[in-house]
Amino acid sequence: MKTVIVTMPMRMRKELYKFRYPVRGNSDIEYSGEVIFGVNGVLARILEPQERVKLLFVVARGGADQGFENARLFREEFGQVTAGKEIRVIEEIVEANNEPVKGELDKLTNGLIRAVGENAEIIADFTFGGKPFPFALLCAVNFAEMFKGASLLYLLYSSLNWAAMPPADPVIYDITAVYYLQKLIGAMEGQKPQTAGKMLEDFFAL
């Protein structure tokens, strides 16, 4: 089952903007329509009819708990862009605390690991959320791959130029390769420096 891990903003701007998001480096997953949440466009493109999908929302407490309302807004848009595909959806919320201390990061990582099912195909988006979140996310995905038979399909984040008004330059960055780079480096233990360097060169040449 595909599992979408997506961080929710604690606050949402009063004006909601929709954009067509090009995907930098991976045009195969670009969506031709406009969306508020960039990853919803990717999902509209890659999901097959009648697929089972788990939407795993990471919601930080605070900001009048606006994150829960943003999860509802995301779910509503997801239904719109996948209309006609009869996607079977399971939803779960993992609550987070944005304070970057060990205890909170431990709880977040463990919550993500528990929420990811066996043999999940993971699409992870970390556009929003606290700055330490990507580290907890990578730890959770790594554990799920090693011990729950999961696999990472895409690691994504969306970007806008908020200095412009209205905002401009929408883009989604597919940085999945970075995840596999850190796995490769982790597997280099015990290798000679020359061998490890050659392994890196071969990876960068792909």
N, C-alpha and C. Protein backbone atom coordinates (compact mmCIF):
# COMPACT_ATOMS: atom_id res chain seq x y z
N MET A 1 0.84 -1.19 0.00
CA MET A 1 0.00 0.00 0.00
C MET A 1 0.89 1.25 0.00
N LYS A 2 0.56 2.21 -0.83
CA LYS A 2 1.31 3.46 -0.84
C LYS A 2 0.98 4.25 0.43
N THR A 3 2.03 4.77 1.05
CA THR A 3 1.87 5.55 2.27
C THR A 3 2.47 6.92 2.03
N VAL A 4 1.65 7.95 2.15
CA VAL A 4 2.07 9.32 1.89
C VAL A 4 2.32 10.00 3.23
N ILE A 5 3.58 10.32 3.52
CA ILE A 5 3.93 11.04 4.74
C ILE A 5 4.05 12.51 4.37
N VAL A 6 3.20 13.33 4.95
CA VAL A 6 3.19 14.74 4.55
C VAL A 6 3.07 15.62 5.79
N THR A 7 3.95 16.60 5.89
CA THR A 7 3.92 17.54 7.01
C THR A 7 2.91 18.64 6.73
N MET A 8 2.19 19.02 7.78
CA MET A 8 1.20 20.08 7.67
C MET A 8 1.74 21.37 8.28
N PRO A 9 1.50 22.51 7.61
CA PRO A 9 1.91 23.79 8.20
C PRO A 9 1.09 24.08 9.45
N MET A 10 1.72 24.71 10.45
CA MET A 10 1.00 25.09 11.66
C MET A 10 0.01 26.20 11.38
N ARG A 11 0.30 26.99 10.38
CA ARG A 11 -0.60 28.09 10.01
C ARG A 11 -0.77 28.07 8.50
N MET A 12 -1.84 28.64 8.03
CA MET A 12 -2.05 28.77 6.59
C MET A 12 -2.32 30.22 6.29
N ARG A 13 -1.72 30.70 5.23
CA ARG A 13 -1.96 32.09 4.84
C ARG A 13 -3.42 32.31 4.49
N LYS A 14 -3.88 33.54 4.73
CA LYS A 14 -5.30 33.84 4.51
C LYS A 14 -5.70 33.59 3.06
N GLU A 15 -4.82 33.95 2.13
CA GLU A 15 -5.09 33.72 0.72
C GLU A 15 -4.43 32.41 0.29
N LEU A 16 -5.23 31.51 -0.26
CA LEU A 16 -4.71 30.22 -0.72
C LEU A 16 -4.47 30.30 -2.22
N TYR A 17 -3.27 29.95 -2.63
CA TYR A 17 -2.89 30.04 -4.03
C TYR A 17 -2.73 28.64 -4.61
N LYS A 18 -3.20 28.49 -5.84
CA LYS A 18 -3.00 27.23 -6.56
C LYS A 18 -2.00 27.46 -7.68
N PHE A 19 -1.14 26.46 -7.89
CA PHE A 19 -0.11 26.56 -8.91
C PHE A 19 0.03 25.23 -9.65
N ARG A 20 0.53 25.32 -10.86
CA ARG A 20 1.03 24.13 -11.54
C ARG A 20 2.49 23.99 -11.17
N TYR A 21 2.82 22.88 -10.53
CA TYR A 21 4.17 22.67 -10.01
C TYR A 21 4.99 21.79 -10.96
N PRO A 22 5.97 22.35 -11.67
CA PRO A 22 6.92 21.49 -12.39
C PRO A 22 7.77 20.74 -11.37
N VAL A 23 8.20 19.54 -11.74
CA VAL A 23 9.04 18.73 -10.85
C VAL A 23 10.47 18.78 -11.37
N ARG A 24 11.35 19.41 -10.62
CA ARG A 24 12.73 19.56 -11.04
C ARG A 24 13.43 18.21 -11.03
N GLY A 25 13.85 17.78 -12.20
CA GLY A 25 14.60 16.54 -12.30
C GLY A 25 13.77 15.29 -12.51
N ASN A 26 12.45 15.42 -12.53
CA ASN A 26 11.62 14.22 -12.71
C ASN A 26 10.28 14.60 -13.33
N SER A 27 10.29 14.92 -14.60
CA SER A 27 9.06 15.35 -15.26
C SER A 27 8.03 14.24 -15.39
N ASP A 28 8.44 12.99 -15.16
CA ASP A 28 7.50 11.88 -15.25
C ASP A 28 6.38 11.96 -14.21
N ILE A 29 6.60 12.69 -13.12
CA ILE A 29 5.58 12.76 -12.08
C ILE A 29 4.93 14.15 -12.01
N GLU A 30 5.11 14.95 -13.05
CA GLU A 30 4.49 16.27 -13.09
C GLU A 30 3.00 16.16 -13.37
N TYR A 31 2.24 17.06 -12.77
CA TYR A 31 0.79 17.13 -12.92
C TYR A 31 0.45 18.40 -13.69
N SER A 32 -0.44 18.31 -14.63
CA SER A 32 -0.74 19.46 -15.48
C SER A 32 -1.72 20.43 -14.85
N GLY A 33 -2.40 20.01 -13.78
CA GLY A 33 -3.36 20.89 -13.12
C GLY A 33 -2.70 21.76 -12.05
N GLU A 34 -3.52 22.54 -11.36
CA GLU A 34 -3.05 23.42 -10.31
C GLU A 34 -3.53 22.93 -8.95
N VAL A 35 -2.65 23.03 -7.96
CA VAL A 35 -2.96 22.56 -6.61
C VAL A 35 -2.41 23.54 -5.58
N ILE A 36 -2.97 23.45 -4.38
CA ILE A 36 -2.43 24.21 -3.24
C ILE A 36 -1.20 23.49 -2.69
N PHE A 37 -1.37 22.20 -2.45
CA PHE A 37 -0.28 21.37 -1.92
C PHE A 37 0.39 20.66 -3.09
N GLY A 38 1.66 20.98 -3.33
CA GLY A 38 2.35 20.45 -4.50
C GLY A 38 2.32 18.94 -4.61
N VAL A 39 2.47 18.24 -3.50
CA VAL A 39 2.52 16.78 -3.54
C VAL A 39 1.20 16.18 -4.01
N ASN A 40 0.10 16.90 -3.83
CA ASN A 40 -1.17 16.37 -4.33
C ASN A 40 -1.15 16.22 -5.85
N GLY A 41 -0.43 17.09 -6.53
CA GLY A 41 -0.29 16.94 -7.98
C GLY A 41 0.47 15.68 -8.34
N VAL A 42 1.53 15.39 -7.60
CA VAL A 42 2.30 14.16 -7.84
C VAL A 42 1.40 12.95 -7.62
N LEU A 43 0.62 12.96 -6.55
CA LEU A 43 -0.27 11.84 -6.25
C LEU A 43 -1.32 11.66 -7.34
N ALA A 44 -1.85 12.78 -7.83
CA ALA A 44 -2.83 12.69 -8.90
C ALA A 44 -2.23 12.02 -10.13
N ARG A 45 -0.95 12.21 -10.33
CA ARG A 45 -0.27 11.66 -11.50
C ARG A 45 0.09 10.19 -11.33
N ILE A 46 0.53 9.78 -10.15
CA ILE A 46 1.11 8.44 -10.02
C ILE A 46 0.14 7.38 -9.51
N LEU A 47 -0.95 7.77 -8.85
CA LEU A 47 -1.84 6.77 -8.26
C LEU A 47 -2.71 6.10 -9.33
N GLU A 48 -2.87 4.81 -9.19
CA GLU A 48 -3.69 4.04 -10.11
C GLU A 48 -5.11 3.91 -9.58
N PRO A 49 -6.09 3.69 -10.47
CA PRO A 49 -7.48 3.53 -10.01
C PRO A 49 -7.61 2.43 -8.97
N GLN A 50 -8.40 2.72 -7.94
CA GLN A 50 -8.75 1.78 -6.88
C GLN A 50 -7.56 1.37 -6.01
N GLU A 51 -6.50 2.15 -6.04
CA GLU A 51 -5.38 1.87 -5.14
C GLU A 51 -5.80 2.15 -3.69
N ARG A 52 -5.14 1.44 -2.77
CA ARG A 52 -5.27 1.72 -1.35
C ARG A 52 -4.12 2.63 -0.95
N VAL A 53 -4.45 3.75 -0.31
CA VAL A 53 -3.46 4.75 0.03
C VAL A 53 -3.64 5.16 1.48
N LYS A 54 -2.54 5.24 2.19
CA LYS A 54 -2.57 5.78 3.55
C LYS A 54 -2.01 7.19 3.53
N LEU A 55 -2.80 8.14 3.99
CA LEU A 55 -2.35 9.51 4.15
C LEU A 55 -1.92 9.69 5.59
N LEU A 56 -0.65 9.87 5.80
CA LEU A 56 -0.08 9.98 7.14
C LEU A 56 0.33 11.44 7.36
N PHE A 57 -0.49 12.16 8.11
CA PHE A 57 -0.26 13.58 8.33
C PHE A 57 0.58 13.80 9.58
N VAL A 58 1.66 14.55 9.44
CA VAL A 58 2.45 14.96 10.59
C VAL A 58 2.00 16.37 10.96
N VAL A 59 1.39 16.49 12.13
CA VAL A 59 0.78 17.76 12.54
C VAL A 59 1.46 18.25 13.82
N ALA A 60 2.01 19.46 13.76
CA ALA A 60 2.63 20.07 14.93
C ALA A 60 1.56 20.81 15.73
N ARG A 61 1.56 20.58 17.04
CA ARG A 61 0.63 21.30 17.89
C ARG A 61 1.06 22.76 18.00
N GLY A 62 0.07 23.64 18.12
CA GLY A 62 0.36 25.07 18.24
C GLY A 62 -0.30 25.83 17.11
N GLY A 63 -0.20 27.17 17.18
CA GLY A 63 -0.83 27.99 16.15
C GLY A 63 -2.31 27.77 16.08
N ALA A 64 -2.96 27.68 17.27
CA ALA A 64 -4.40 27.38 17.35
C ALA A 64 -4.70 26.03 16.70
N ASP A 65 -3.69 25.16 16.67
CA ASP A 65 -3.85 23.83 16.08
C ASP A 65 -4.39 23.89 14.66
N GLN A 66 -3.93 24.88 13.91
CA GLN A 66 -4.34 25.05 12.53
C GLN A 66 -3.90 23.87 11.66
N GLY A 67 -2.88 23.14 12.12
CA GLY A 67 -2.41 22.00 11.34
C GLY A 67 -3.49 20.97 11.07
N PHE A 68 -4.41 20.79 12.02
CA PHE A 68 -5.49 19.83 11.82
C PHE A 68 -6.45 20.30 10.73
N GLU A 69 -6.72 21.59 10.69
CA GLU A 69 -7.55 22.15 9.63
C GLU A 69 -6.84 22.04 8.29
N ASN A 70 -5.53 22.22 8.27
CA ASN A 70 -4.78 22.10 7.03
C ASN A 70 -4.78 20.66 6.52
N ALA A 71 -4.78 19.69 7.44
CA ALA A 71 -4.89 18.29 7.03
C ALA A 71 -6.24 18.04 6.36
N ARG A 72 -7.29 18.65 6.91
CA ARG A 72 -8.62 18.52 6.29
C ARG A 72 -8.61 19.14 4.89
N LEU A 73 -7.97 20.29 4.75
CA LEU A 73 -7.89 20.96 3.46
C LEU A 73 -7.11 20.11 2.46
N PHE A 74 -6.00 19.52 2.91
CA PHE A 74 -5.21 18.63 2.05
C PHE A 74 -6.07 17.45 1.58
N ARG A 75 -6.77 16.85 2.51
CA ARG A 75 -7.61 15.67 2.19
C ARG A 75 -8.70 16.04 1.18
N GLU A 76 -9.26 17.22 1.34
CA GLU A 76 -10.29 17.69 0.41
C GLU A 76 -9.72 17.85 -0.98
N GLU A 77 -8.55 18.48 -1.08
CA GLU A 77 -7.92 18.66 -2.39
C GLU A 77 -7.51 17.32 -2.98
N PHE A 78 -6.99 16.44 -2.16
CA PHE A 78 -6.62 15.09 -2.64
C PHE A 78 -7.82 14.41 -3.28
N GLY A 79 -8.98 14.50 -2.64
CA GLY A 79 -10.19 13.91 -3.21
C GLY A 79 -10.55 14.53 -4.55
N GLN A 80 -10.33 15.83 -4.68
CA GLN A 80 -10.67 16.51 -5.94
C GLN A 80 -9.75 16.07 -7.08
N VAL A 81 -8.44 16.00 -6.82
CA VAL A 81 -7.50 15.71 -7.92
C VAL A 81 -7.46 14.23 -8.27
N THR A 82 -7.99 13.37 -7.39
CA THR A 82 -8.03 11.94 -7.70
C THR A 82 -9.46 11.47 -7.98
N ALA A 83 -10.37 12.41 -8.16
CA ALA A 83 -11.77 12.05 -8.42
C ALA A 83 -11.87 11.16 -9.65
N GLY A 84 -12.67 10.12 -9.55
CA GLY A 84 -12.83 9.18 -10.65
C GLY A 84 -11.93 7.97 -10.54
N LYS A 85 -10.90 8.05 -9.71
CA LYS A 85 -10.00 6.90 -9.54
C LYS A 85 -10.45 5.95 -8.43
N GLU A 86 -11.42 6.39 -7.64
CA GLU A 86 -11.96 5.57 -6.55
C GLU A 86 -10.84 5.07 -5.63
N ILE A 87 -9.99 6.01 -5.23
CA ILE A 87 -8.90 5.68 -4.32
C ILE A 87 -9.47 5.33 -2.94
N ARG A 88 -8.99 4.24 -2.38
CA ARG A 88 -9.42 3.82 -1.03
C ARG A 88 -8.42 4.37 -0.02
N VAL A 89 -8.89 5.28 0.82
CA VAL A 89 -7.99 6.07 1.65
C VAL A 89 -8.12 5.69 3.12
N ILE A 90 -6.97 5.54 3.76
CA ILE A 90 -6.86 5.44 5.22
C ILE A 90 -6.11 6.69 5.68
N GLU A 91 -6.56 7.28 6.75
CA GLU A 91 -5.89 8.47 7.27
C GLU A 91 -5.39 8.24 8.69
N GLU A 92 -4.25 8.82 9.00
CA GLU A 92 -3.71 8.77 10.36
C GLU A 92 -2.92 10.05 10.60
N ILE A 93 -2.98 10.53 11.84
CA ILE A 93 -2.24 11.73 12.22
C ILE A 93 -1.19 11.36 13.25
N VAL A 94 0.03 11.79 13.02
CA VAL A 94 1.11 11.69 14.00
C VAL A 94 1.37 13.10 14.50
N GLU A 95 1.15 13.33 15.78
CA GLU A 95 1.35 14.65 16.35
C GLU A 95 2.83 14.87 16.67
N ALA A 96 3.26 16.09 16.44
CA ALA A 96 4.67 16.43 16.65
C ALA A 96 4.78 17.68 17.49
N ASN A 97 5.92 17.84 18.10
CA ASN A 97 6.25 19.06 18.82
C ASN A 97 7.45 19.65 18.10
N ASN A 98 7.36 20.91 17.71
CA ASN A 98 8.43 21.51 16.91
C ASN A 98 9.70 21.78 17.69
N GLU A 99 9.69 21.55 19.01
CA GLU A 99 10.90 21.80 19.79
C GLU A 99 11.94 20.74 19.45
N PRO A 100 13.11 21.15 18.95
CA PRO A 100 14.10 20.18 18.46
C PRO A 100 14.95 19.59 19.58
N VAL A 101 14.33 18.87 20.48
CA VAL A 101 15.06 18.22 21.57
C VAL A 101 14.92 16.71 21.40
N LYS A 102 15.85 15.98 21.99
CA LYS A 102 15.94 14.55 21.76
C LYS A 102 14.62 13.82 22.05
N GLY A 103 14.02 14.07 23.19
CA GLY A 103 12.80 13.36 23.55
C GLY A 103 11.69 13.53 22.52
N GLU A 104 11.52 14.75 22.02
CA GLU A 104 10.47 15.01 21.03
C GLU A 104 10.80 14.36 19.70
N LEU A 105 12.06 14.43 19.28
CA LEU A 105 12.44 13.81 18.02
C LEU A 105 12.33 12.29 18.11
N ASP A 106 12.63 11.74 19.29
CA ASP A 106 12.47 10.29 19.49
C ASP A 106 11.01 9.89 19.32
N LYS A 107 10.10 10.67 19.95
CA LYS A 107 8.67 10.35 19.86
C LYS A 107 8.17 10.45 18.42
N LEU A 108 8.63 11.47 17.71
CA LEU A 108 8.21 11.64 16.32
C LEU A 108 8.71 10.49 15.45
N THR A 109 9.99 10.14 15.60
CA THR A 109 10.55 9.04 14.81
C THR A 109 9.82 7.74 15.09
N ASN A 110 9.58 7.46 16.36
CA ASN A 110 8.89 6.23 16.74
C ASN A 110 7.44 6.24 16.24
N GLY A 111 6.79 7.40 16.30
CA GLY A 111 5.42 7.51 15.79
C GLY A 111 5.34 7.23 14.31
N LEU A 112 6.31 7.72 13.55
CA LEU A 112 6.34 7.46 12.11
C LEU A 112 6.59 5.98 11.83
N ILE A 113 7.52 5.39 12.55
CA ILE A 113 7.82 3.97 12.34
C ILE A 113 6.59 3.11 12.61
N ARG A 114 5.90 3.39 13.70
CA ARG A 114 4.70 2.62 14.05
C ARG A 114 3.59 2.78 13.01
N ALA A 115 3.50 3.99 12.43
CA ALA A 115 2.40 4.27 11.50
C ALA A 115 2.63 3.71 10.10
N VAL A 116 3.87 3.45 9.75
CA VAL A 116 4.17 2.89 8.43
C VAL A 116 3.93 1.38 8.47
N GLY A 117 3.07 0.89 7.61
CA GLY A 117 2.73 -0.53 7.60
C GLY A 117 3.78 -1.39 6.93
N GLU A 118 3.57 -2.69 7.03
CA GLU A 118 4.47 -3.64 6.38
C GLU A 118 4.42 -3.46 4.86
N ASN A 119 5.58 -3.53 4.24
CA ASN A 119 5.70 -3.48 2.77
C ASN A 119 5.13 -2.20 2.16
N ALA A 120 5.14 -1.11 2.92
CA ALA A 120 4.62 0.15 2.41
C ALA A 120 5.52 0.72 1.32
N GLU A 121 4.89 1.37 0.36
CA GLU A 121 5.61 2.14 -0.66
C GLU A 121 5.45 3.61 -0.27
N ILE A 122 6.55 4.23 0.12
CA ILE A 122 6.48 5.53 0.78
C ILE A 122 6.71 6.68 -0.19
N ILE A 123 5.82 7.66 -0.12
CA ILE A 123 6.04 8.96 -0.77
C ILE A 123 6.09 9.97 0.37
N ALA A 124 7.20 10.64 0.56
CA ALA A 124 7.36 11.54 1.70
C ALA A 124 7.56 12.97 1.22
N ASP A 125 6.81 13.89 1.83
CA ASP A 125 6.91 15.30 1.49
C ASP A 125 7.19 16.07 2.77
N PHE A 126 8.29 16.84 2.79
CA PHE A 126 8.62 17.60 4.00
C PHE A 126 8.65 19.09 3.73
N THR A 127 7.74 19.55 2.88
CA THR A 127 7.67 20.97 2.56
C THR A 127 7.49 21.82 3.82
N PHE A 128 6.62 21.36 4.69
CA PHE A 128 6.34 22.12 5.92
C PHE A 128 6.93 21.37 7.12
N GLY A 129 6.79 21.94 8.29
CA GLY A 129 7.29 21.30 9.50
C GLY A 129 8.60 21.92 9.95
N GLY A 130 8.99 21.56 11.18
CA GLY A 130 10.21 22.09 11.76
C GLY A 130 11.45 21.63 11.03
N LYS A 131 12.51 22.38 11.15
CA LYS A 131 13.75 22.06 10.43
C LYS A 131 14.33 20.70 10.79
N PRO A 132 14.22 20.20 12.04
CA PRO A 132 14.78 18.87 12.34
C PRO A 132 13.96 17.72 11.76
N PHE A 133 12.74 18.01 11.28
CA PHE A 133 11.87 16.91 10.85
C PHE A 133 12.50 16.00 9.80
N PRO A 134 13.18 16.52 8.76
CA PRO A 134 13.73 15.61 7.75
C PRO A 134 14.66 14.55 8.33
N PHE A 135 15.37 14.86 9.42
CA PHE A 135 16.26 13.87 10.01
C PHE A 135 15.45 12.74 10.66
N ALA A 136 14.38 13.10 11.37
CA ALA A 136 13.51 12.08 11.95
C ALA A 136 12.86 11.26 10.85
N LEU A 137 12.45 11.92 9.78
CA LEU A 137 11.82 11.23 8.66
C LEU A 137 12.77 10.21 8.04
N LEU A 138 14.01 10.60 7.78
CA LEU A 138 14.97 9.69 7.17
C LEU A 138 15.26 8.50 8.07
N CYS A 139 15.34 8.74 9.37
CA CYS A 139 15.56 7.63 10.30
C CYS A 139 14.39 6.65 10.25
N ALA A 140 13.17 7.18 10.24
CA ALA A 140 11.98 6.33 10.21
C ALA A 140 11.90 5.53 8.92
N VAL A 141 12.16 6.18 7.78
CA VAL A 141 12.10 5.48 6.50
C VAL A 141 13.18 4.41 6.43
N ASN A 142 14.37 4.74 6.92
CA ASN A 142 15.46 3.77 6.91
C ASN A 142 15.09 2.53 7.73
N PHE A 143 14.53 2.74 8.91
CA PHE A 143 14.11 1.62 9.76
C PHE A 143 13.02 0.80 9.06
N ALA A 144 12.04 1.49 8.47
CA ALA A 144 10.93 0.80 7.81
C ALA A 144 11.42 -0.03 6.63
N GLU A 145 12.42 0.46 5.91
CA GLU A 145 12.99 -0.31 4.81
C GLU A 145 13.72 -1.55 5.32
N MET A 146 14.45 -1.40 6.41
CA MET A 146 15.28 -2.49 6.90
C MET A 146 14.47 -3.58 7.59
N PHE A 147 13.39 -3.17 8.31
CA PHE A 147 12.72 -4.13 9.19
C PHE A 147 11.23 -4.32 8.91
N LYS A 148 10.66 -3.53 8.01
CA LYS A 148 9.23 -3.68 7.72
C LYS A 148 8.96 -3.91 6.24
N GLY A 149 10.01 -4.13 5.47
CA GLY A 149 9.84 -4.42 4.05
C GLY A 149 9.36 -3.23 3.23
N ALA A 150 9.49 -2.02 3.77
CA ALA A 150 9.04 -0.82 3.05
C ALA A 150 10.06 -0.39 2.00
N SER A 151 9.63 0.50 1.13
CA SER A 151 10.53 1.08 0.14
C SER A 151 10.15 2.54 -0.08
N LEU A 152 11.14 3.37 -0.30
CA LEU A 152 10.90 4.79 -0.57
C LEU A 152 10.75 5.00 -2.07
N LEU A 153 9.60 5.51 -2.49
CA LEU A 153 9.40 5.83 -3.90
C LEU A 153 9.88 7.24 -4.23
N TYR A 154 9.46 8.20 -3.42
CA TYR A 154 9.81 9.59 -3.69
C TYR A 154 10.01 10.34 -2.38
N LEU A 155 11.02 11.21 -2.37
CA LEU A 155 11.25 12.16 -1.29
C LEU A 155 11.18 13.55 -1.92
N LEU A 156 10.21 14.35 -1.48
CA LEU A 156 9.86 15.58 -2.20
C LEU A 156 9.73 16.78 -1.27
N TYR A 157 9.95 17.96 -1.84
CA TYR A 157 9.47 19.17 -1.17
C TYR A 157 9.17 20.23 -2.22
N SER A 158 8.19 21.07 -1.88
CA SER A 158 7.74 22.13 -2.79
C SER A 158 8.32 23.47 -2.35
N SER A 159 8.50 24.34 -3.33
CA SER A 159 9.06 25.66 -3.05
C SER A 159 8.30 26.72 -3.83
N LEU A 160 8.13 27.88 -3.19
CA LEU A 160 7.54 29.06 -3.83
C LEU A 160 8.38 30.27 -3.45
N ASN A 161 8.39 31.27 -4.30
CA ASN A 161 9.00 32.55 -3.98
C ASN A 161 7.94 33.42 -3.31
N TRP A 162 7.94 33.41 -1.96
CA TRP A 162 6.94 34.17 -1.22
C TRP A 162 7.28 35.65 -1.16
N ALA A 163 8.47 36.04 -1.61
CA ALA A 163 8.81 37.46 -1.62
C ALA A 163 8.02 38.20 -2.69
N ALA A 164 7.63 37.48 -3.73
CA ALA A 164 6.81 38.07 -4.78
C ALA A 164 5.35 38.07 -4.32
N MET A 165 4.56 38.94 -4.88
CA MET A 165 3.15 38.97 -4.54
C MET A 165 2.34 39.27 -5.79
N PRO A 166 1.55 38.28 -6.27
CA PRO A 166 1.36 36.98 -5.64
C PRO A 166 2.62 36.12 -5.73
N PRO A 167 2.70 35.06 -4.93
CA PRO A 167 3.87 34.19 -4.96
C PRO A 167 4.15 33.66 -6.37
N ALA A 168 5.41 33.32 -6.62
CA ALA A 168 5.80 32.92 -7.97
C ALA A 168 6.81 31.78 -7.90
N ASP A 169 7.19 31.30 -9.08
CA ASP A 169 8.24 30.29 -9.25
C ASP A 169 7.97 28.99 -8.50
N PRO A 170 6.79 28.40 -8.68
CA PRO A 170 6.51 27.13 -8.01
C PRO A 170 7.38 26.01 -8.57
N VAL A 171 7.84 25.13 -7.72
CA VAL A 171 8.63 23.99 -8.17
C VAL A 171 8.58 22.91 -7.10
N ILE A 172 8.62 21.66 -7.53
CA ILE A 172 8.79 20.53 -6.62
C ILE A 172 10.18 19.95 -6.89
N TYR A 173 10.91 19.71 -5.82
CA TYR A 173 12.22 19.08 -5.93
C TYR A 173 12.09 17.62 -5.53
N ASP A 174 12.50 16.75 -6.43
CA ASP A 174 12.55 15.31 -6.14
C ASP A 174 13.98 15.01 -5.72
N ILE A 175 14.18 14.79 -4.42
CA ILE A 175 15.54 14.55 -3.92
C ILE A 175 15.68 13.11 -3.42
N THR A 176 14.93 12.21 -4.01
CA THR A 176 14.99 10.80 -3.62
C THR A 176 16.42 10.28 -3.68
N ALA A 177 17.18 10.74 -4.66
CA ALA A 177 18.56 10.24 -4.82
C ALA A 177 19.41 10.54 -3.59
N VAL A 178 19.12 11.62 -2.87
CA VAL A 178 19.90 11.96 -1.69
C VAL A 178 19.71 10.89 -0.61
N TYR A 179 18.49 10.38 -0.51
CA TYR A 179 18.23 9.32 0.47
C TYR A 179 19.09 8.09 0.17
N TYR A 180 19.12 7.70 -1.10
CA TYR A 180 19.90 6.52 -1.46
C TYR A 180 21.40 6.78 -1.40
N LEU A 181 21.80 8.04 -1.53
CA LEU A 181 23.21 8.38 -1.34
C LEU A 181 23.63 8.13 0.10
N GLN A 182 22.79 8.56 1.06
CA GLN A 182 23.17 8.34 2.45
C GLN A 182 23.14 6.86 2.81
N LYS A 183 22.28 6.08 2.17
CA LYS A 183 22.30 4.64 2.39
C LYS A 183 23.58 4.02 1.83
N LEU A 184 23.99 4.50 0.66
CA LEU A 184 25.22 4.00 0.06
C LEU A 184 26.42 4.29 0.97
N ILE A 185 26.49 5.52 1.47
CA ILE A 185 27.60 5.89 2.34
C ILE A 185 27.58 5.04 3.61
N GLY A 186 26.40 4.76 4.14
CA GLY A 186 26.30 3.92 5.32
C GLY A 186 26.79 2.51 5.08
N ALA A 187 26.70 2.06 3.82
CA ALA A 187 27.14 0.70 3.49
C ALA A 187 28.63 0.62 3.17
N MET A 188 29.32 1.76 3.22
CA MET A 188 30.74 1.78 2.85
C MET A 188 31.66 1.39 3.99
N GLU A 189 31.11 1.20 5.17
CA GLU A 189 31.96 0.88 6.31
C GLU A 189 32.82 -0.35 6.02
N GLY A 190 34.09 -0.23 6.30
CA GLY A 190 35.01 -1.33 6.07
C GLY A 190 35.68 -1.31 4.70
N GLN A 191 35.19 -0.44 3.81
CA GLN A 191 35.80 -0.34 2.48
C GLN A 191 37.08 0.49 2.55
N LYS A 192 37.98 0.22 1.63
CA LYS A 192 39.16 1.06 1.51
C LYS A 192 38.75 2.42 0.95
N PRO A 193 39.45 3.50 1.33
CA PRO A 193 39.08 4.83 0.84
C PRO A 193 38.99 4.91 -0.68
N GLN A 194 39.91 4.25 -1.38
CA GLN A 194 39.88 4.31 -2.84
C GLN A 194 38.61 3.63 -3.38
N THR A 195 38.23 2.51 -2.77
CA THR A 195 37.02 1.81 -3.20
C THR A 195 35.79 2.64 -2.92
N ALA A 196 35.72 3.23 -1.72
CA ALA A 196 34.58 4.07 -1.36
C ALA A 196 34.47 5.27 -2.30
N GLY A 197 35.62 5.87 -2.61
CA GLY A 197 35.60 7.00 -3.54
C GLY A 197 35.10 6.61 -4.91
N LYS A 198 35.47 5.42 -5.37
CA LYS A 198 35.00 4.96 -6.68
C LYS A 198 33.50 4.69 -6.65
N MET A 199 33.01 4.15 -5.53
CA MET A 199 31.58 3.92 -5.39
C MET A 199 30.80 5.23 -5.47
N LEU A 200 31.34 6.27 -4.84
CA LEU A 200 30.70 7.58 -4.91
C LEU A 200 30.71 8.12 -6.34
N GLU A 201 31.84 8.02 -7.00
CA GLU A 201 31.93 8.49 -8.38
C GLU A 201 30.91 7.78 -9.27
N ASP A 202 30.78 6.49 -9.10
CA ASP A 202 29.82 5.74 -9.91
C ASP A 202 28.38 6.18 -9.63
N PHE A 203 28.09 6.46 -8.34
CA PHE A 203 26.74 6.92 -7.98
C PHE A 203 26.47 8.27 -8.62
N PHE A 204 27.42 9.19 -8.53
CA PHE A 204 27.22 10.54 -9.07
C PHE A 204 27.10 10.52 -10.60
N ALA A 205 27.65 9.48 -11.22
CA ALA A 205 27.60 9.40 -12.68
C ALA A 205 26.26 8.86 -13.20
N LEU A 206 25.43 8.35 -12.30
CA LEU A 206 24.14 7.79 -12.74
C LEU A 206 23.23 8.86 -13.30
